[in-house]
Amino acid sequence: MSGWPALRLCRADCGFGRAFACGGDQILHLHGRDLAELYLTWPLIWRMRRPLMDCASVRIRPGSGWVRIWLGGDDDIALLISLVSVAIKADLATIDTVQPRVGACSLGYSHLAEQFMPQPPPGRGGLSMTPSGNPIEREEHVMREVTDRLLRSFAGRRRPEQVTQAVDAIYRRFDNRPIRDFVPVLVERLAREQLVPDPPG
């Protein structure tokens, strides 16, 4: 914190874990010990997309402005620290603009998070809750619905983070597939197969 005087610690507005806010915007969410979500703004993510996509621990949410970072070791933590500095500069650069507030992280749109945040704020570069004519946004919307269904289906049997991690890991397998129409269907089917508990014995 001493190196980032612009940040303040607070409760994550998605209802899961702690957050760091810059000015009035939460730009870093810490969901447990091994998962962070960082708001970089979508234009910045687009410019950095190649090195970000080369990082196995980073998951880009198309169009949202947020990236998800799995913290599996010292290298991942060092990467997060570097990106936080970039995120602070990006956030401070937009203070005097007319752009709306930062939208919720991915957990902020989940079924379980609705009890904490019934009406997620519109995102600065974030996605609306209904699909638009943008195919990337439509796919992101359908993937939120897939995650919601799986969270409801496995409530009480799997922890929410187990469900979201399974969905993200499977979704990542299809990152370079040019035909996207059936990707959400395949992700949901494979995730269900992976999450179903093994029969006793």
N, C-alpha and C. Protein backbone atom coordinates (compact mmCIF):
# COMPACT_ATOMS: atom_id res chain seq x y z
N MET A 1 0.83 -1.21 0.00
CA MET A 1 0.00 0.00 0.00
C MET A 1 0.86 1.26 0.00
N SER A 2 2.03 1.23 0.65
CA SER A 2 2.86 2.43 0.71
C SER A 2 3.32 2.87 -0.67
N GLY A 3 3.45 1.91 -1.59
CA GLY A 3 3.85 2.25 -2.94
C GLY A 3 2.71 2.75 -3.80
N TRP A 4 1.48 2.59 -3.32
CA TRP A 4 0.29 3.00 -4.06
C TRP A 4 -0.58 3.88 -3.18
N PRO A 5 -0.19 5.11 -2.93
CA PRO A 5 -0.97 5.96 -2.03
C PRO A 5 -2.36 6.28 -2.55
N ALA A 6 -2.59 6.07 -3.86
CA ALA A 6 -3.90 6.37 -4.43
C ALA A 6 -4.93 5.31 -4.08
N LEU A 7 -4.49 4.15 -3.58
CA LEU A 7 -5.41 3.04 -3.30
C LEU A 7 -5.89 3.04 -1.86
N ARG A 8 -7.12 2.57 -1.68
CA ARG A 8 -7.63 2.34 -0.32
C ARG A 8 -8.31 0.98 -0.29
N LEU A 9 -8.18 0.30 0.83
CA LEU A 9 -8.75 -1.03 1.00
C LEU A 9 -10.23 -0.92 1.37
N CYS A 10 -11.06 -1.78 0.79
CA CYS A 10 -12.49 -1.76 1.09
C CYS A 10 -13.08 -3.14 0.79
N ARG A 11 -14.37 -3.29 1.03
CA ARG A 11 -15.07 -4.54 0.72
C ARG A 11 -15.44 -4.55 -0.76
N ALA A 12 -15.23 -5.67 -1.41
CA ALA A 12 -15.55 -5.77 -2.83
C ALA A 12 -17.04 -5.59 -3.05
N ASP A 13 -17.40 -4.74 -4.01
CA ASP A 13 -18.82 -4.47 -4.20
C ASP A 13 -19.57 -5.63 -4.84
N CYS A 14 -18.85 -6.66 -5.31
CA CYS A 14 -19.52 -7.86 -5.82
C CYS A 14 -19.94 -8.77 -4.67
N GLY A 15 -19.43 -8.50 -3.45
CA GLY A 15 -19.80 -9.31 -2.30
C GLY A 15 -18.83 -10.42 -1.98
N PHE A 16 -17.78 -10.58 -2.79
CA PHE A 16 -16.83 -11.67 -2.59
C PHE A 16 -15.44 -11.11 -2.37
N GLY A 17 -14.95 -11.13 -1.13
CA GLY A 17 -13.57 -10.75 -0.85
C GLY A 17 -13.37 -9.26 -0.62
N ARG A 18 -12.11 -8.86 -0.73
CA ARG A 18 -11.70 -7.48 -0.48
C ARG A 18 -11.37 -6.81 -1.80
N ALA A 19 -11.31 -5.48 -1.75
CA ALA A 19 -11.04 -4.71 -2.96
C ALA A 19 -10.13 -3.54 -2.64
N PHE A 20 -9.50 -3.01 -3.67
CA PHE A 20 -8.75 -1.77 -3.58
C PHE A 20 -9.40 -0.78 -4.54
N ALA A 21 -9.68 0.41 -4.03
CA ALA A 21 -10.33 1.44 -4.83
C ALA A 21 -9.34 2.55 -5.12
N CYS A 22 -9.49 3.11 -6.30
CA CYS A 22 -8.70 4.27 -6.71
C CYS A 22 -9.68 5.40 -6.97
N GLY A 23 -9.66 6.45 -6.13
CA GLY A 23 -10.70 7.45 -6.21
C GLY A 23 -12.02 6.83 -5.78
N GLY A 24 -13.02 6.91 -6.60
CA GLY A 24 -14.31 6.29 -6.27
C GLY A 24 -14.53 4.95 -6.91
N ASP A 25 -13.54 4.44 -7.66
CA ASP A 25 -13.72 3.20 -8.41
C ASP A 25 -12.91 2.05 -7.82
N GLN A 26 -13.55 0.89 -7.69
CA GLN A 26 -12.82 -0.31 -7.29
C GLN A 26 -12.15 -0.89 -8.53
N ILE A 27 -10.82 -0.98 -8.48
CA ILE A 27 -10.10 -1.46 -9.66
C ILE A 27 -9.43 -2.81 -9.43
N LEU A 28 -9.39 -3.28 -8.18
CA LEU A 28 -8.77 -4.57 -7.89
C LEU A 28 -9.63 -5.32 -6.88
N HIS A 29 -10.04 -6.53 -7.24
CA HIS A 29 -10.78 -7.42 -6.34
C HIS A 29 -9.91 -8.63 -6.04
N LEU A 30 -9.83 -9.00 -4.77
CA LEU A 30 -9.09 -10.20 -4.35
C LEU A 30 -10.11 -11.22 -3.87
N HIS A 31 -10.30 -12.26 -4.66
CA HIS A 31 -11.27 -13.31 -4.34
C HIS A 31 -10.52 -14.52 -3.78
N GLY A 32 -10.29 -14.50 -2.48
CA GLY A 32 -9.51 -15.57 -1.88
C GLY A 32 -8.02 -15.34 -2.08
N ARG A 33 -7.24 -16.40 -1.88
CA ARG A 33 -5.79 -16.26 -1.93
C ARG A 33 -5.22 -16.47 -3.33
N ASP A 34 -6.02 -17.03 -4.25
CA ASP A 34 -5.44 -17.40 -5.54
C ASP A 34 -6.13 -16.77 -6.75
N LEU A 35 -7.02 -15.80 -6.52
CA LEU A 35 -7.72 -15.20 -7.65
C LEU A 35 -7.86 -13.70 -7.45
N ALA A 36 -7.47 -12.95 -8.47
CA ALA A 36 -7.63 -11.50 -8.46
C ALA A 36 -8.30 -11.07 -9.76
N GLU A 37 -9.09 -10.00 -9.68
CA GLU A 37 -9.66 -9.40 -10.89
C GLU A 37 -9.26 -7.93 -10.90
N LEU A 38 -8.77 -7.48 -12.05
CA LEU A 38 -8.19 -6.15 -12.15
C LEU A 38 -8.83 -5.40 -13.31
N TYR A 39 -9.20 -4.15 -13.04
CA TYR A 39 -9.83 -3.32 -14.08
C TYR A 39 -8.76 -2.50 -14.78
N LEU A 40 -8.55 -2.79 -16.07
CA LEU A 40 -7.53 -2.11 -16.85
C LEU A 40 -8.12 -1.16 -17.91
N THR A 41 -9.42 -1.22 -18.13
CA THR A 41 -10.16 -0.57 -19.22
C THR A 41 -9.98 -1.40 -20.49
N TRP A 42 -11.07 -1.50 -21.25
CA TRP A 42 -11.00 -2.35 -22.44
C TRP A 42 -10.04 -1.82 -23.50
N PRO A 43 -9.97 -0.52 -23.78
CA PRO A 43 -8.98 -0.06 -24.77
C PRO A 43 -7.55 -0.46 -24.41
N LEU A 44 -7.22 -0.38 -23.11
CA LEU A 44 -5.88 -0.75 -22.68
C LEU A 44 -5.66 -2.25 -22.84
N ILE A 45 -6.66 -3.04 -22.47
CA ILE A 45 -6.55 -4.49 -22.63
C ILE A 45 -6.34 -4.83 -24.10
N TRP A 46 -7.07 -4.14 -24.97
CA TRP A 46 -6.95 -4.42 -26.40
C TRP A 46 -5.53 -4.14 -26.89
N ARG A 47 -4.94 -3.05 -26.40
CA ARG A 47 -3.58 -2.73 -26.81
C ARG A 47 -2.58 -3.74 -26.26
N MET A 48 -2.87 -4.29 -25.08
CA MET A 48 -1.94 -5.22 -24.43
C MET A 48 -2.34 -6.68 -24.65
N ARG A 49 -3.28 -6.92 -25.55
CA ARG A 49 -3.89 -8.25 -25.62
C ARG A 49 -2.89 -9.36 -25.92
N ARG A 50 -1.89 -9.11 -26.75
CA ARG A 50 -0.94 -10.17 -27.10
C ARG A 50 -0.15 -10.65 -25.89
N PRO A 51 0.54 -9.75 -25.17
CA PRO A 51 1.27 -10.25 -23.99
C PRO A 51 0.34 -10.81 -22.92
N LEU A 52 -0.88 -10.24 -22.78
CA LEU A 52 -1.80 -10.76 -21.77
C LEU A 52 -2.25 -12.17 -22.14
N MET A 53 -2.55 -12.39 -23.42
CA MET A 53 -3.00 -13.72 -23.85
C MET A 53 -1.89 -14.76 -23.74
N ASP A 54 -0.63 -14.31 -23.78
CA ASP A 54 0.49 -15.24 -23.64
C ASP A 54 0.70 -15.68 -22.21
N CYS A 55 0.07 -15.00 -21.25
CA CYS A 55 0.20 -15.36 -19.83
C CYS A 55 -0.84 -16.42 -19.48
N ALA A 56 -0.38 -17.59 -19.10
CA ALA A 56 -1.31 -18.68 -18.79
C ALA A 56 -2.19 -18.35 -17.60
N SER A 57 -1.75 -17.45 -16.72
CA SER A 57 -2.52 -17.15 -15.51
C SER A 57 -3.55 -16.05 -15.73
N VAL A 58 -3.58 -15.45 -16.92
CA VAL A 58 -4.48 -14.32 -17.19
C VAL A 58 -5.63 -14.76 -18.08
N ARG A 59 -6.82 -14.32 -17.70
CA ARG A 59 -8.03 -14.58 -18.50
C ARG A 59 -8.65 -13.24 -18.84
N ILE A 60 -8.81 -12.96 -20.13
CA ILE A 60 -9.41 -11.71 -20.59
C ILE A 60 -10.91 -11.92 -20.75
N ARG A 61 -11.69 -10.98 -20.23
CA ARG A 61 -13.14 -10.98 -20.44
C ARG A 61 -13.43 -10.00 -21.57
N PRO A 62 -13.73 -10.50 -22.77
CA PRO A 62 -13.87 -9.61 -23.93
C PRO A 62 -14.85 -8.47 -23.69
N GLY A 63 -14.39 -7.26 -23.95
CA GLY A 63 -15.24 -6.08 -23.87
C GLY A 63 -15.50 -5.54 -22.49
N SER A 64 -15.04 -6.20 -21.44
CA SER A 64 -15.46 -5.82 -20.09
C SER A 64 -14.54 -4.84 -19.39
N GLY A 65 -13.28 -4.77 -19.79
CA GLY A 65 -12.33 -3.93 -19.08
C GLY A 65 -11.64 -4.62 -17.91
N TRP A 66 -12.14 -5.81 -17.51
CA TRP A 66 -11.55 -6.56 -16.39
C TRP A 66 -10.71 -7.72 -16.93
N VAL A 67 -9.65 -8.06 -16.19
CA VAL A 67 -8.91 -9.29 -16.44
C VAL A 67 -8.90 -10.10 -15.16
N ARG A 68 -8.90 -11.39 -15.31
CA ARG A 68 -8.83 -12.31 -14.16
C ARG A 68 -7.43 -12.91 -14.12
N ILE A 69 -6.82 -12.92 -12.94
CA ILE A 69 -5.45 -13.39 -12.78
C ILE A 69 -5.41 -14.46 -11.70
N TRP A 70 -4.95 -15.65 -12.08
CA TRP A 70 -4.79 -16.73 -11.10
C TRP A 70 -3.43 -16.58 -10.45
N LEU A 71 -3.40 -16.55 -9.13
CA LEU A 71 -2.17 -16.31 -8.39
C LEU A 71 -1.59 -17.63 -7.90
N GLY A 72 -0.86 -18.28 -8.79
CA GLY A 72 -0.33 -19.60 -8.46
C GLY A 72 1.11 -19.59 -7.99
N GLY A 73 1.76 -18.44 -8.03
CA GLY A 73 3.16 -18.38 -7.61
C GLY A 73 3.68 -16.97 -7.61
N ASP A 74 4.98 -16.84 -7.32
CA ASP A 74 5.60 -15.53 -7.22
C ASP A 74 5.54 -14.75 -8.53
N ASP A 75 5.67 -15.46 -9.66
CA ASP A 75 5.63 -14.78 -10.96
C ASP A 75 4.27 -14.14 -11.20
N ASP A 76 3.21 -14.84 -10.80
CA ASP A 76 1.86 -14.30 -10.97
C ASP A 76 1.64 -13.07 -10.09
N ILE A 77 2.16 -13.11 -8.87
CA ILE A 77 2.03 -11.97 -7.97
C ILE A 77 2.81 -10.78 -8.51
N ALA A 78 4.02 -11.02 -9.05
CA ALA A 78 4.81 -9.94 -9.64
C ALA A 78 4.07 -9.33 -10.84
N LEU A 79 3.43 -10.19 -11.63
CA LEU A 79 2.65 -9.70 -12.76
C LEU A 79 1.50 -8.83 -12.29
N LEU A 80 0.80 -9.28 -11.25
CA LEU A 80 -0.32 -8.50 -10.71
C LEU A 80 0.14 -7.14 -10.23
N ILE A 81 1.26 -7.11 -9.50
CA ILE A 81 1.77 -5.84 -8.99
C ILE A 81 2.07 -4.87 -10.14
N SER A 82 2.68 -5.39 -11.20
CA SER A 82 2.97 -4.54 -12.36
C SER A 82 1.71 -4.02 -13.01
N LEU A 83 0.71 -4.88 -13.14
CA LEU A 83 -0.53 -4.48 -13.79
C LEU A 83 -1.34 -3.52 -12.93
N VAL A 84 -1.23 -3.65 -11.60
CA VAL A 84 -1.94 -2.71 -10.72
C VAL A 84 -1.44 -1.29 -10.96
N SER A 85 -0.14 -1.13 -11.11
CA SER A 85 0.41 0.20 -11.39
C SER A 85 -0.14 0.75 -12.70
N VAL A 86 -0.26 -0.11 -13.70
CA VAL A 86 -0.83 0.30 -14.98
C VAL A 86 -2.31 0.67 -14.80
N ALA A 87 -3.03 -0.12 -14.01
CA ALA A 87 -4.46 0.13 -13.79
C ALA A 87 -4.69 1.46 -13.08
N ILE A 88 -3.84 1.79 -12.11
CA ILE A 88 -3.98 3.06 -11.40
C ILE A 88 -3.82 4.22 -12.37
N LYS A 89 -2.79 4.16 -13.22
CA LYS A 89 -2.58 5.23 -14.20
C LYS A 89 -3.77 5.34 -15.15
N ALA A 90 -4.30 4.18 -15.58
CA ALA A 90 -5.44 4.21 -16.50
C ALA A 90 -6.66 4.81 -15.83
N ASP A 91 -6.87 4.48 -14.54
CA ASP A 91 -8.04 5.01 -13.83
C ASP A 91 -7.90 6.51 -13.59
N LEU A 92 -6.73 6.93 -13.16
CA LEU A 92 -6.52 8.37 -12.90
C LEU A 92 -6.64 9.19 -14.18
N ALA A 93 -6.30 8.57 -15.31
CA ALA A 93 -6.37 9.29 -16.58
C ALA A 93 -7.81 9.56 -17.02
N THR A 94 -8.77 8.82 -16.42
CA THR A 94 -10.16 8.97 -16.83
C THR A 94 -10.98 9.79 -15.83
N ILE A 95 -10.35 10.31 -14.78
CA ILE A 95 -11.09 11.02 -13.73
C ILE A 95 -11.86 12.21 -14.30
N ASP A 96 -11.25 12.93 -15.21
CA ASP A 96 -11.87 14.15 -15.74
C ASP A 96 -12.70 13.90 -17.00
N THR A 97 -12.92 12.63 -17.33
CA THR A 97 -13.71 12.32 -18.51
C THR A 97 -15.17 12.13 -18.10
N VAL A 98 -16.03 11.95 -19.09
CA VAL A 98 -17.46 11.75 -18.82
C VAL A 98 -17.83 10.28 -18.84
N GLN A 99 -16.85 9.40 -18.81
CA GLN A 99 -17.14 7.97 -18.84
C GLN A 99 -17.82 7.54 -17.55
N PRO A 100 -18.76 6.54 -17.64
CA PRO A 100 -19.45 6.06 -16.44
C PRO A 100 -18.54 5.26 -15.53
N ARG A 101 -19.07 4.87 -14.38
CA ARG A 101 -18.29 4.14 -13.38
C ARG A 101 -17.85 2.78 -13.89
N VAL A 102 -16.84 2.25 -13.23
CA VAL A 102 -16.38 0.90 -13.52
C VAL A 102 -17.51 -0.09 -13.24
N GLY A 103 -17.70 -1.05 -14.12
CA GLY A 103 -18.70 -2.08 -13.91
C GLY A 103 -18.21 -3.16 -12.98
N ALA A 104 -19.10 -4.07 -12.64
CA ALA A 104 -18.77 -5.14 -11.71
C ALA A 104 -17.79 -6.13 -12.34
N CYS A 105 -17.01 -6.79 -11.49
CA CYS A 105 -16.17 -7.88 -11.97
C CYS A 105 -17.07 -9.05 -12.34
N SER A 106 -16.47 -10.13 -12.83
CA SER A 106 -17.29 -11.23 -13.34
C SER A 106 -18.17 -11.85 -12.26
N LEU A 107 -17.68 -11.93 -11.02
CA LEU A 107 -18.51 -12.49 -9.95
C LEU A 107 -19.67 -11.57 -9.62
N GLY A 108 -19.53 -10.28 -9.95
CA GLY A 108 -20.60 -9.33 -9.68
C GLY A 108 -21.85 -9.60 -10.49
N TYR A 109 -21.72 -10.36 -11.58
CA TYR A 109 -22.88 -10.68 -12.40
C TYR A 109 -23.44 -12.07 -12.11
N SER A 110 -22.84 -12.79 -11.19
CA SER A 110 -23.26 -14.16 -10.95
C SER A 110 -24.56 -14.21 -10.15
N HIS A 111 -25.20 -15.34 -10.21
CA HIS A 111 -26.47 -15.53 -9.49
C HIS A 111 -26.29 -15.34 -8.00
N LEU A 112 -25.18 -15.85 -7.46
CA LEU A 112 -24.97 -15.77 -6.01
C LEU A 112 -24.71 -14.35 -5.56
N ALA A 113 -24.11 -13.53 -6.43
CA ALA A 113 -23.78 -12.16 -6.03
C ALA A 113 -24.97 -11.23 -6.08
N GLU A 114 -26.09 -11.66 -6.66
CA GLU A 114 -27.24 -10.77 -6.77
C GLU A 114 -27.76 -10.34 -5.40
N GLN A 115 -27.58 -11.19 -4.37
CA GLN A 115 -28.05 -10.82 -3.04
C GLN A 115 -27.26 -9.64 -2.48
N PHE A 116 -26.01 -9.46 -2.97
CA PHE A 116 -25.20 -8.34 -2.51
C PHE A 116 -25.36 -7.12 -3.41
N MET A 117 -25.58 -7.34 -4.70
CA MET A 117 -25.63 -6.24 -5.64
C MET A 117 -26.74 -6.50 -6.66
N PRO A 118 -28.02 -6.27 -6.29
CA PRO A 118 -29.13 -6.61 -7.17
C PRO A 118 -29.08 -5.90 -8.52
N GLN A 119 -28.56 -4.67 -8.57
CA GLN A 119 -28.51 -3.93 -9.83
C GLN A 119 -27.07 -3.48 -10.09
N PRO A 120 -26.27 -4.34 -10.73
CA PRO A 120 -24.88 -3.96 -10.98
C PRO A 120 -24.81 -2.67 -11.77
N PRO A 121 -23.89 -1.77 -11.42
CA PRO A 121 -23.79 -0.50 -12.15
C PRO A 121 -23.29 -0.74 -13.56
N PRO A 122 -23.66 0.13 -14.51
CA PRO A 122 -23.12 0.00 -15.85
C PRO A 122 -21.62 0.18 -15.83
N GLY A 123 -20.92 -0.51 -16.71
CA GLY A 123 -19.47 -0.49 -16.65
C GLY A 123 -18.84 0.54 -17.56
N ARG A 124 -17.74 1.10 -17.12
CA ARG A 124 -16.95 1.94 -17.98
C ARG A 124 -16.19 1.01 -18.90
N GLY A 125 -16.76 0.76 -20.07
CA GLY A 125 -16.24 -0.27 -20.95
C GLY A 125 -16.85 -1.62 -20.62
N GLY A 126 -17.76 -1.69 -19.65
CA GLY A 126 -18.36 -2.96 -19.26
C GLY A 126 -19.50 -3.34 -20.18
N LEU A 127 -20.04 -4.54 -19.95
CA LEU A 127 -21.09 -5.06 -20.80
C LEU A 127 -22.45 -4.83 -20.18
N SER A 128 -23.44 -4.64 -21.00
CA SER A 128 -24.81 -4.55 -20.51
C SER A 128 -25.28 -5.94 -20.14
N MET A 129 -26.41 -6.01 -19.41
CA MET A 129 -26.93 -7.32 -19.00
C MET A 129 -27.70 -8.01 -20.11
N THR A 130 -27.95 -7.33 -21.21
CA THR A 130 -28.64 -7.94 -22.35
C THR A 130 -27.74 -7.87 -23.56
N PRO A 131 -27.83 -8.86 -24.46
CA PRO A 131 -26.92 -8.90 -25.60
C PRO A 131 -27.21 -7.78 -26.57
N SER A 132 -26.16 -7.29 -27.22
CA SER A 132 -26.30 -6.24 -28.23
C SER A 132 -25.99 -6.86 -29.59
N GLY A 133 -25.77 -6.02 -30.57
CA GLY A 133 -25.42 -6.53 -31.88
C GLY A 133 -23.97 -6.95 -31.99
N ASN A 134 -23.18 -6.70 -30.95
CA ASN A 134 -21.77 -7.07 -30.96
C ASN A 134 -21.63 -8.56 -30.64
N PRO A 135 -21.04 -9.38 -31.54
CA PRO A 135 -20.95 -10.82 -31.27
C PRO A 135 -20.13 -11.16 -30.04
N ILE A 136 -19.11 -10.33 -29.73
CA ILE A 136 -18.31 -10.58 -28.53
C ILE A 136 -19.17 -10.37 -27.29
N GLU A 137 -19.97 -9.31 -27.29
CA GLU A 137 -20.84 -9.03 -26.15
C GLU A 137 -21.92 -10.10 -26.02
N ARG A 138 -22.45 -10.57 -27.15
CA ARG A 138 -23.46 -11.63 -27.07
C ARG A 138 -22.88 -12.89 -26.45
N GLU A 139 -21.66 -13.25 -26.87
CA GLU A 139 -21.03 -14.44 -26.31
C GLU A 139 -20.77 -14.26 -24.81
N GLU A 140 -20.29 -13.07 -24.42
CA GLU A 140 -20.05 -12.82 -23.00
C GLU A 140 -21.34 -12.92 -22.19
N HIS A 141 -22.43 -12.41 -22.75
CA HIS A 141 -23.73 -12.48 -22.08
C HIS A 141 -24.16 -13.93 -21.91
N VAL A 142 -24.03 -14.73 -22.96
CA VAL A 142 -24.41 -16.15 -22.87
C VAL A 142 -23.53 -16.88 -21.87
N MET A 143 -22.24 -16.54 -21.82
CA MET A 143 -21.35 -17.20 -20.87
C MET A 143 -21.71 -16.84 -19.43
N ARG A 144 -22.19 -15.61 -19.20
CA ARG A 144 -22.67 -15.28 -17.85
C ARG A 144 -23.88 -16.14 -17.50
N GLU A 145 -24.78 -16.35 -18.47
CA GLU A 145 -25.94 -17.20 -18.22
C GLU A 145 -25.51 -18.63 -17.93
N VAL A 146 -24.53 -19.13 -18.67
CA VAL A 146 -24.01 -20.48 -18.43
C VAL A 146 -23.46 -20.59 -17.02
N THR A 147 -22.66 -19.60 -16.61
CA THR A 147 -22.09 -19.62 -15.26
C THR A 147 -23.18 -19.57 -14.21
N ASP A 148 -24.20 -18.73 -14.43
CA ASP A 148 -25.31 -18.64 -13.48
C ASP A 148 -26.01 -19.98 -13.33
N ARG A 149 -26.30 -20.64 -14.46
CA ARG A 149 -26.99 -21.94 -14.40
C ARG A 149 -26.16 -22.96 -13.63
N LEU A 150 -24.86 -22.98 -13.89
CA LEU A 150 -24.01 -23.95 -13.22
C LEU A 150 -23.89 -23.64 -11.72
N LEU A 151 -23.82 -22.37 -11.37
CA LEU A 151 -23.78 -22.00 -9.95
C LEU A 151 -25.04 -22.46 -9.23
N ARG A 152 -26.18 -22.30 -9.89
CA ARG A 152 -27.45 -22.76 -9.28
C ARG A 152 -27.50 -24.28 -9.21
N SER A 153 -27.06 -24.94 -10.29
CA SER A 153 -27.14 -26.41 -10.34
C SER A 153 -26.27 -27.07 -9.28
N PHE A 154 -25.10 -26.48 -9.02
CA PHE A 154 -24.16 -27.12 -8.12
C PHE A 154 -24.09 -26.44 -6.75
N ALA A 155 -25.05 -25.56 -6.47
CA ALA A 155 -25.09 -24.91 -5.16
C ALA A 155 -25.21 -25.98 -4.08
N GLY A 156 -24.36 -25.91 -3.09
CA GLY A 156 -24.37 -26.90 -2.00
C GLY A 156 -23.51 -28.11 -2.28
N ARG A 157 -23.15 -28.31 -3.55
CA ARG A 157 -22.29 -29.45 -3.91
C ARG A 157 -20.88 -29.01 -4.28
N ARG A 158 -20.76 -27.84 -4.86
CA ARG A 158 -19.46 -27.28 -5.24
C ARG A 158 -19.39 -25.82 -4.77
N ARG A 159 -18.21 -25.40 -4.34
CA ARG A 159 -18.02 -24.01 -3.96
C ARG A 159 -18.12 -23.13 -5.21
N PRO A 160 -18.61 -21.90 -5.07
CA PRO A 160 -18.73 -21.02 -6.25
C PRO A 160 -17.43 -20.88 -7.02
N GLU A 161 -16.30 -20.76 -6.30
CA GLU A 161 -15.04 -20.59 -7.00
C GLU A 161 -14.66 -21.83 -7.80
N GLN A 162 -15.09 -23.04 -7.33
CA GLN A 162 -14.82 -24.25 -8.09
C GLN A 162 -15.56 -24.22 -9.43
N VAL A 163 -16.79 -23.73 -9.38
CA VAL A 163 -17.60 -23.65 -10.60
C VAL A 163 -16.99 -22.64 -11.57
N THR A 164 -16.68 -21.44 -11.09
CA THR A 164 -16.16 -20.41 -11.98
C THR A 164 -14.79 -20.78 -12.52
N GLN A 165 -13.97 -21.44 -11.73
CA GLN A 165 -12.66 -21.86 -12.21
C GLN A 165 -12.80 -22.92 -13.29
N ALA A 166 -13.73 -23.86 -13.10
CA ALA A 166 -13.95 -24.90 -14.12
C ALA A 166 -14.44 -24.28 -15.43
N VAL A 167 -15.39 -23.35 -15.32
CA VAL A 167 -15.91 -22.70 -16.53
C VAL A 167 -14.81 -21.95 -17.25
N ASP A 168 -14.02 -21.18 -16.51
CA ASP A 168 -12.96 -20.38 -17.14
C ASP A 168 -11.91 -21.26 -17.80
N ALA A 169 -11.52 -22.35 -17.12
CA ALA A 169 -10.49 -23.22 -17.67
C ALA A 169 -10.96 -23.86 -18.97
N ILE A 170 -12.22 -24.29 -18.99
CA ILE A 170 -12.76 -24.92 -20.20
C ILE A 170 -12.97 -23.88 -21.30
N TYR A 171 -13.47 -22.71 -20.92
CA TYR A 171 -13.70 -21.64 -21.90
C TYR A 171 -12.40 -21.25 -22.59
N ARG A 172 -11.30 -21.25 -21.82
CA ARG A 172 -9.99 -20.87 -22.37
C ARG A 172 -9.57 -21.81 -23.50
N ARG A 173 -10.00 -23.08 -23.45
CA ARG A 173 -9.60 -24.03 -24.50
C ARG A 173 -10.08 -23.58 -25.88
N PHE A 174 -11.13 -22.76 -25.90
CA PHE A 174 -11.74 -22.37 -27.18
C PHE A 174 -11.30 -20.97 -27.62
N ASP A 175 -10.28 -20.41 -26.98
CA ASP A 175 -9.90 -19.02 -27.25
C ASP A 175 -9.59 -18.75 -28.71
N ASN A 176 -8.97 -19.69 -29.39
CA ASN A 176 -8.52 -19.45 -30.76
C ASN A 176 -9.43 -20.09 -31.81
N ARG A 177 -10.61 -20.54 -31.39
CA ARG A 177 -11.53 -21.12 -32.35
C ARG A 177 -12.27 -20.02 -33.11
N PRO A 178 -12.18 -20.02 -34.45
CA PRO A 178 -12.82 -18.94 -35.20
C PRO A 178 -14.35 -19.02 -35.21
N ILE A 179 -14.91 -20.23 -35.15
CA ILE A 179 -16.36 -20.40 -35.15
C ILE A 179 -16.82 -20.48 -33.69
N ARG A 180 -17.67 -19.52 -33.26
CA ARG A 180 -17.98 -19.36 -31.85
C ARG A 180 -19.40 -19.78 -31.48
N ASP A 181 -20.23 -20.12 -32.47
CA ASP A 181 -21.66 -20.32 -32.22
C ASP A 181 -21.95 -21.33 -31.11
N PHE A 182 -21.19 -22.42 -31.07
CA PHE A 182 -21.50 -23.49 -30.14
C PHE A 182 -20.56 -23.55 -28.94
N VAL A 183 -19.69 -22.55 -28.81
CA VAL A 183 -18.73 -22.57 -27.71
C VAL A 183 -19.42 -22.58 -26.33
N PRO A 184 -20.40 -21.69 -26.06
CA PRO A 184 -21.04 -21.73 -24.73
C PRO A 184 -21.71 -23.07 -24.43
N VAL A 185 -22.31 -23.69 -25.45
CA VAL A 185 -22.97 -24.99 -25.24
C VAL A 185 -21.93 -26.03 -24.86
N LEU A 186 -20.82 -26.05 -25.57
CA LEU A 186 -19.77 -27.02 -25.28
C LEU A 186 -19.15 -26.78 -23.90
N VAL A 187 -18.94 -25.50 -23.57
CA VAL A 187 -18.37 -25.18 -22.25
C VAL A 187 -19.29 -25.67 -21.15
N GLU A 188 -20.59 -25.42 -21.28
CA GLU A 188 -21.52 -25.85 -20.24
C GLU A 188 -21.54 -27.36 -20.09
N ARG A 189 -21.56 -28.08 -21.23
CA ARG A 189 -21.60 -29.54 -21.16
C ARG A 189 -20.34 -30.09 -20.51
N LEU A 190 -19.17 -29.60 -20.94
CA LEU A 190 -17.91 -30.10 -20.38
C LEU A 190 -17.76 -29.73 -18.91
N ALA A 191 -18.23 -28.54 -18.54
CA ALA A 191 -18.14 -28.12 -17.14
C ALA A 191 -19.03 -28.99 -16.26
N ARG A 192 -20.23 -29.29 -16.74
CA ARG A 192 -21.11 -30.17 -15.96
C ARG A 192 -20.48 -31.53 -15.75
N GLU A 193 -19.87 -32.07 -16.82
CA GLU A 193 -19.21 -33.39 -16.69
C GLU A 193 -18.08 -33.34 -15.67
N GLN A 194 -17.35 -32.22 -15.67
CA GLN A 194 -16.21 -32.10 -14.75
C GLN A 194 -16.65 -31.89 -13.31
N LEU A 195 -17.79 -31.19 -13.13
CA LEU A 195 -18.20 -30.81 -11.78
C LEU A 195 -19.07 -31.85 -11.09
N VAL A 196 -19.64 -32.79 -11.84
CA VAL A 196 -20.46 -33.82 -11.22
C VAL A 196 -19.59 -34.66 -10.28
N PRO A 197 -19.97 -34.77 -9.01
CA PRO A 197 -19.15 -35.53 -8.06
C PRO A 197 -19.03 -36.99 -8.47
N ASP A 198 -17.84 -37.55 -8.23
CA ASP A 198 -17.64 -38.97 -8.52
C ASP A 198 -18.57 -39.81 -7.64
N PRO A 199 -19.14 -40.90 -8.19
CA PRO A 199 -19.99 -41.76 -7.36
C PRO A 199 -19.18 -42.40 -6.25
N PRO A 200 -19.84 -42.63 -5.09
CA PRO A 200 -19.10 -43.27 -3.97
C PRO A 200 -18.54 -44.63 -4.34
N GLY A 201 -17.33 -44.90 -3.90
CA GLY A 201 -16.72 -46.19 -4.14
C GLY A 201 -16.13 -46.30 -5.52
